[in-house]
Protein backbone atom coordinates (compact mmCIF):
# COMPACT_ATOMS: atom_id res chain seq x y z
CA MET A 1 12.28 13.89 28.60
CA ALA A 2 16.06 14.61 28.52
CA ILE A 3 18.35 15.22 25.64
CA HIS A 4 21.26 12.69 25.58
CA LEU A 5 24.51 14.01 23.88
CA SER A 6 26.99 11.62 25.37
CA THR A 7 29.72 10.73 23.54
CA HIS A 8 29.85 7.58 25.21
CA HIS A 9 26.94 5.86 22.94
CA PRO A 10 25.36 2.20 23.42
CA PRO A 11 24.72 0.07 20.55
CA LEU A 12 21.95 1.51 18.43
CA SER A 13 20.05 -1.59 19.49
CA GLU A 14 19.72 -0.42 22.88
CA LEU A 15 18.26 2.87 21.70
CA HIS A 16 14.80 2.00 20.77
CA THR A 17 12.86 -0.94 21.91
CA ALA A 18 9.01 -1.83 21.38
CA ASP A 19 8.45 0.51 24.56
CA ARG A 20 10.52 3.18 23.59
CA GLY A 21 12.46 4.89 21.00
CA ARG A 22 14.01 8.58 19.98
CA ILE A 23 12.41 11.52 18.35
CA HIS A 24 13.58 14.57 17.07
CA SER A 25 10.21 16.64 17.16
CA ILE A 26 6.46 16.80 17.16
CA GLU A 27 4.03 18.82 15.03
CA THR A 28 0.60 18.56 16.68
CA CYS A 29 -1.29 19.94 13.36
CA GLY A 30 0.30 19.23 10.26
CA THR A 31 -1.34 19.32 6.79
CA VAL A 32 1.02 18.28 4.44
CA ASP A 33 1.79 14.62 5.41
CA GLY A 34 -1.16 12.52 4.36
CA PRO A 35 -4.82 13.37 4.59
CA GLY A 36 -6.39 15.67 6.96
CA ILE A 37 -4.85 17.34 10.19
CA ARG A 38 -1.96 15.17 11.06
CA PHE A 39 0.01 14.65 14.38
CA VAL A 40 3.24 14.41 12.89
CA ILE A 41 6.14 12.45 14.51
CA PHE A 42 9.45 13.13 13.54
CA THR A 43 11.93 10.28 14.67
CA GLN A 44 15.62 10.66 15.32
CA GLY A 45 18.31 8.88 12.84
CA CYS A 46 18.47 8.55 9.07
CA LEU A 47 21.19 6.61 7.16
CA LEU A 48 20.46 8.94 3.87
CA ARG A 49 22.37 12.13 3.35
CA CYS A 50 20.00 13.96 0.78
CA LEU A 51 21.58 17.12 -0.48
CA TYR A 52 18.42 18.94 -0.05
CA CYS A 53 17.25 17.49 3.38
CA HIS A 54 15.69 20.41 5.45
CA ASN A 55 15.82 18.08 8.73
CA PRO A 56 19.60 17.39 8.55
CA ASP A 57 19.60 17.54 12.47
CA THR A 58 17.65 14.28 12.41
CA ARG A 59 20.78 12.40 11.15
CA ASP A 60 22.25 11.36 14.33
CA PRO A 61 20.27 8.51 15.67
CA PHE A 62 22.28 9.38 19.28
CA GLN A 63 20.73 12.86 19.45
CA GLY A 64 16.82 13.78 19.89
CA ARG A 65 15.10 12.96 22.97
CA GLU A 66 14.16 9.70 24.43
CA VAL A 67 10.27 9.01 24.92
CA THR A 68 7.87 6.11 25.62
CA VAL A 69 5.49 4.78 23.62
CA ASP A 70 3.12 5.83 26.49
CA GLN A 71 4.12 9.26 26.55
CA VAL A 72 3.71 9.67 22.70
CA MET A 73 0.05 7.98 22.92
CA GLN A 74 -0.80 10.60 25.89
CA GLU A 75 0.00 13.40 23.50
CA ILE A 76 -1.70 11.92 20.50
CA GLN A 77 -4.96 11.48 22.33
CA LYS A 78 -5.11 15.14 23.17
CA TYR A 79 -5.53 15.84 19.36
CA GLN A 80 -7.60 12.96 18.61
CA SER A 81 -10.97 14.86 17.96
CA TYR A 82 -9.03 17.00 15.36
CA MET A 83 -7.59 14.23 13.72
CA GLN A 84 -10.83 12.41 13.25
CA ALA A 85 -12.87 15.21 12.32
CA SER A 86 -10.85 16.34 9.40
CA GLY A 87 -10.11 12.82 8.17
CA GLY A 88 -6.73 13.02 9.39
CA GLY A 89 -4.57 10.78 11.92
CA VAL A 90 -1.21 10.12 13.07
CA THR A 91 2.24 10.43 10.48
CA ILE A 92 5.29 9.02 11.54
CA SER A 93 8.19 10.61 9.65
CA GLY A 94 11.89 11.66 10.62
CA GLY A 95 14.65 11.31 9.79
CA GLU A 96 13.72 7.96 8.88
CA PRO A 97 11.11 5.74 10.81
CA LEU A 98 12.23 2.36 9.69
CA LEU A 99 15.45 2.69 11.82
CA GLN A 100 13.43 2.08 14.92
CA PRO A 101 10.61 -0.58 13.66
CA GLU A 102 9.63 -1.84 16.79
CA PHE A 103 9.10 1.26 18.29
CA VAL A 104 7.04 2.61 15.22
CA ARG A 105 5.12 -0.56 14.71
CA GLU A 106 3.73 -0.05 18.61
CA ILE A 107 2.80 3.51 18.11
CA CYS A 108 0.85 2.41 15.13
CA ARG A 109 -0.56 -0.54 17.02
CA ARG A 110 -1.83 1.65 19.57
CA CYS A 111 -3.26 3.91 17.21
CA HIS A 112 -5.12 1.36 15.39
CA GLU A 113 -6.84 0.35 18.65
CA LEU A 114 -8.22 3.68 19.14
CA GLY A 115 -9.20 3.80 15.62
CA ILE A 116 -6.54 6.31 14.31
CA HIS A 117 -5.46 6.48 10.73
CA THR A 118 -1.91 6.00 10.45
CA ALA A 119 0.69 6.80 7.88
CA LEU A 120 4.44 6.17 7.56
CA ASP A 121 6.84 8.84 5.62
CA THR A 122 9.96 6.48 4.89
CA SER A 123 12.56 6.36 2.20
CA GLY A 124 12.30 2.50 2.37
CA PHE A 125 15.89 2.06 2.85
CA PRO A 126 16.18 0.28 6.18
CA ASP A 127 16.44 -3.41 6.65
CA PHE A 128 13.86 -4.95 4.96
CA GLU A 129 12.84 -7.80 7.18
CA ARG A 130 12.99 -5.71 10.58
CA SER A 131 10.82 -3.03 8.46
CA LYS A 132 8.04 -5.59 7.10
CA PRO A 133 6.12 -5.94 10.41
CA VAL A 134 5.49 -2.62 10.76
CA LEU A 135 3.27 -2.30 7.76
CA ASP A 136 0.56 -4.45 9.86
CA TYR A 137 -0.43 -1.38 11.43
CA VAL A 138 0.12 1.30 8.75
CA ASP A 139 -2.75 2.48 6.81
CA LEU A 140 -0.69 4.73 4.18
CA VAL A 141 2.60 4.71 3.13
CA LEU A 142 4.35 8.07 1.86
CA LEU A 143 7.52 6.77 -0.01
CA ASP A 144 10.13 8.97 -0.93
CA ILE A 145 11.75 8.04 -4.05
CA LYS A 146 14.45 10.32 -4.65
CA SER A 147 15.36 9.46 -8.32
CA TYR A 148 15.28 6.46 -10.72
CA ASP A 149 18.75 6.84 -12.20
CA PRO A 150 20.89 4.84 -9.81
CA GLN A 151 23.71 7.41 -10.25
CA THR A 152 21.50 10.26 -9.73
CA TYR A 153 20.10 8.51 -6.80
CA HIS A 154 23.37 7.87 -4.89
CA ARG A 155 24.32 11.71 -5.87
CA VAL A 156 21.27 12.76 -4.17
CA THR A 157 21.38 10.19 -1.21
CA SER A 158 24.90 8.79 -0.99
CA VAL A 159 23.13 4.96 -0.73
CA SER A 160 21.80 2.68 -3.41
CA ILE A 161 18.25 2.78 -5.02
CA GLU A 162 17.94 -1.07 -4.96
CA PRO A 163 16.45 -1.15 -1.39
CA THR A 164 14.07 1.30 -1.99
CA LEU A 165 12.67 -0.26 -5.11
CA HIS A 166 12.49 -3.59 -3.49
CA PHE A 167 10.31 -2.04 -0.62
CA ALA A 168 8.21 -0.19 -3.43
CA ARG A 169 7.65 -3.73 -5.10
CA TYR A 170 6.57 -5.33 -1.81
CA LEU A 171 4.00 -2.52 -1.04
CA SER A 172 2.62 -3.36 -4.39
CA ASP A 173 2.45 -7.07 -3.76
CA ILE A 174 0.51 -6.42 -0.45
CA HIS A 175 -1.47 -3.91 -1.96
CA LYS A 176 -0.61 -1.45 0.57
CA PRO A 177 -1.87 2.16 -0.32
CA THR A 178 1.01 4.51 -1.24
CA TRP A 179 1.62 8.19 -2.03
CA ILE A 180 4.78 8.30 -4.06
CA ARG A 181 6.74 11.47 -3.25
CA PHE A 182 9.59 13.07 -5.53
CA VAL A 183 11.65 16.06 -4.99
CA LEU A 184 12.10 18.05 -7.92
CA VAL A 185 15.60 19.91 -8.14
CA PRO A 186 16.71 22.03 -11.07
CA GLY A 187 19.98 20.55 -12.47
CA LEU A 188 20.06 17.38 -10.19
CA THR A 189 16.67 15.18 -10.41
CA ASP A 190 15.11 17.17 -13.24
CA ASP A 191 16.49 15.29 -16.30
CA PRO A 192 13.69 13.99 -18.45
CA VAL A 193 15.31 10.67 -18.43
CA ASN A 194 15.45 10.12 -14.85
CA VAL A 195 11.96 11.38 -14.60
CA GLU A 196 10.49 9.29 -17.32
CA GLY A 197 12.26 6.23 -15.69
CA LEU A 198 10.75 7.11 -12.36
CA ALA A 199 7.21 7.44 -14.11
CA GLN A 200 7.59 4.00 -15.63
CA PHE A 201 8.64 2.11 -12.42
CA VAL A 202 5.81 3.70 -10.30
CA ALA A 203 3.41 2.61 -13.01
CA THR A 204 4.16 -0.83 -12.57
CA LEU A 205 3.15 -0.64 -9.00
CA GLY A 206 -0.70 -0.73 -9.77
CA ASP A 207 -3.61 0.00 -7.88
CA CYS A 208 -1.65 0.59 -4.85
CA VAL A 209 -0.17 4.12 -5.78
CA GLU A 210 -3.16 6.38 -4.87
CA LYS A 211 -0.88 9.44 -6.09
CA VAL A 212 2.44 10.98 -7.05
CA GLU A 213 3.37 14.16 -5.30
CA VAL A 214 5.93 16.27 -6.91
CA LEU A 215 7.60 18.12 -4.56
CA PRO A 216 9.18 21.42 -5.63
CA PHE A 217 12.89 21.95 -4.21
CA HIS A 218 13.21 24.57 -1.45
CA LYS A 219 15.94 25.87 0.77
CA MET A 220 14.12 26.16 4.12
CA GLY A 221 16.45 24.07 5.94
CA GLU A 222 19.50 25.63 4.60
CA TYR A 223 20.03 27.63 8.04
CA LYS A 224 20.20 24.16 9.89
CA TRP A 225 22.94 23.01 7.88
CA GLN A 226 24.91 26.15 8.24
CA GLU A 227 24.33 25.64 12.35
CA LEU A 228 25.47 22.24 11.93
CA GLY A 229 28.68 23.14 10.04
CA TYR A 230 27.43 20.97 6.90
CA ASP A 231 28.40 21.86 3.14
CA TYR A 232 25.21 22.76 1.78
CA GLN A 233 25.87 22.09 -1.93
CA LEU A 234 22.58 23.40 -3.20
CA LYS A 235 23.11 27.04 -1.83
CA ASP A 236 22.99 28.53 -5.35
CA THR A 237 20.14 26.12 -6.85
CA PRO A 238 16.86 27.87 -7.50
CA PRO A 239 13.38 26.63 -7.00
CA PRO A 240 11.99 24.70 -9.92
CA SER A 241 9.89 27.03 -12.35
CA PRO A 242 6.14 26.39 -12.37
CA GLN A 243 6.70 25.43 -16.32
CA LEU A 244 9.50 22.63 -15.11
CA ILE A 245 6.76 21.22 -12.25
CA GLN A 246 4.10 21.00 -14.91
CA GLN A 247 6.14 19.24 -17.14
CA VAL A 248 7.19 16.68 -14.94
CA MET A 249 3.76 16.18 -13.73
CA GLU A 250 2.53 15.67 -17.18
CA THR A 251 5.49 12.52 -17.68
CA PHE A 252 3.63 11.26 -14.70
CA ARG A 253 0.37 11.66 -15.84
CA ARG A 254 1.07 10.09 -19.46
CA TYR A 255 1.76 7.00 -17.43
CA GLY A 256 -1.92 7.17 -16.09
CA LEU A 257 -0.94 7.99 -12.68
CA ARG A 258 -2.94 10.69 -10.43
CA VAL A 259 -0.21 13.71 -9.87
CA GLU A 260 -0.34 16.81 -7.41
């Protein structure tokens, strides 16, 4: 599976179909992206420019490697017994999986044929109508909501929050099991008004939200930014203190949400 780095790029629509797509990497025994032991596929391409992104090398949709669904499924089946014994499954992350909706939907459909649990890790930002069919074969959505205050969200991601909120409301409407993920960054996303607003919004989504994951900021991907020549603006930002983490978790709990 060759890596294509040509500067003469085809249209994005030709990069992925229901039969093939572009991925960055695979983690065969993941334990943090859904329940149990997970086979995690990191897709290539993302429209967000999150300041704390630990996979900035997944941004460019023309890089990574091209794979077919058949190739991916062959790899998945090697680990099927481990996944099923642990109550795990397949998680499609990124990058942003919903930039390749037909490809991702077909992987999830094929997993369902094999009785394998599927999870989608997404920002909910890409084209809504093209994204909806993917959810037909997704058992769990890990929805990353970077912030609630629109200005903070734009500062973190360089895009608008509205598509993500619309996607979240749709998940609620169809009663799709969802975990909300929020990255806690001191001096960036930790403003009490921002956290309170997000907690209030998530509480309106009802029973589809199984839990909220408060993810402490870390700088594990900083070296990638340096290698790529990107400006890492959070190099002087510390991880959140245990006290701050507990404070934010308590805010979500006050709205009746399960928090981890």
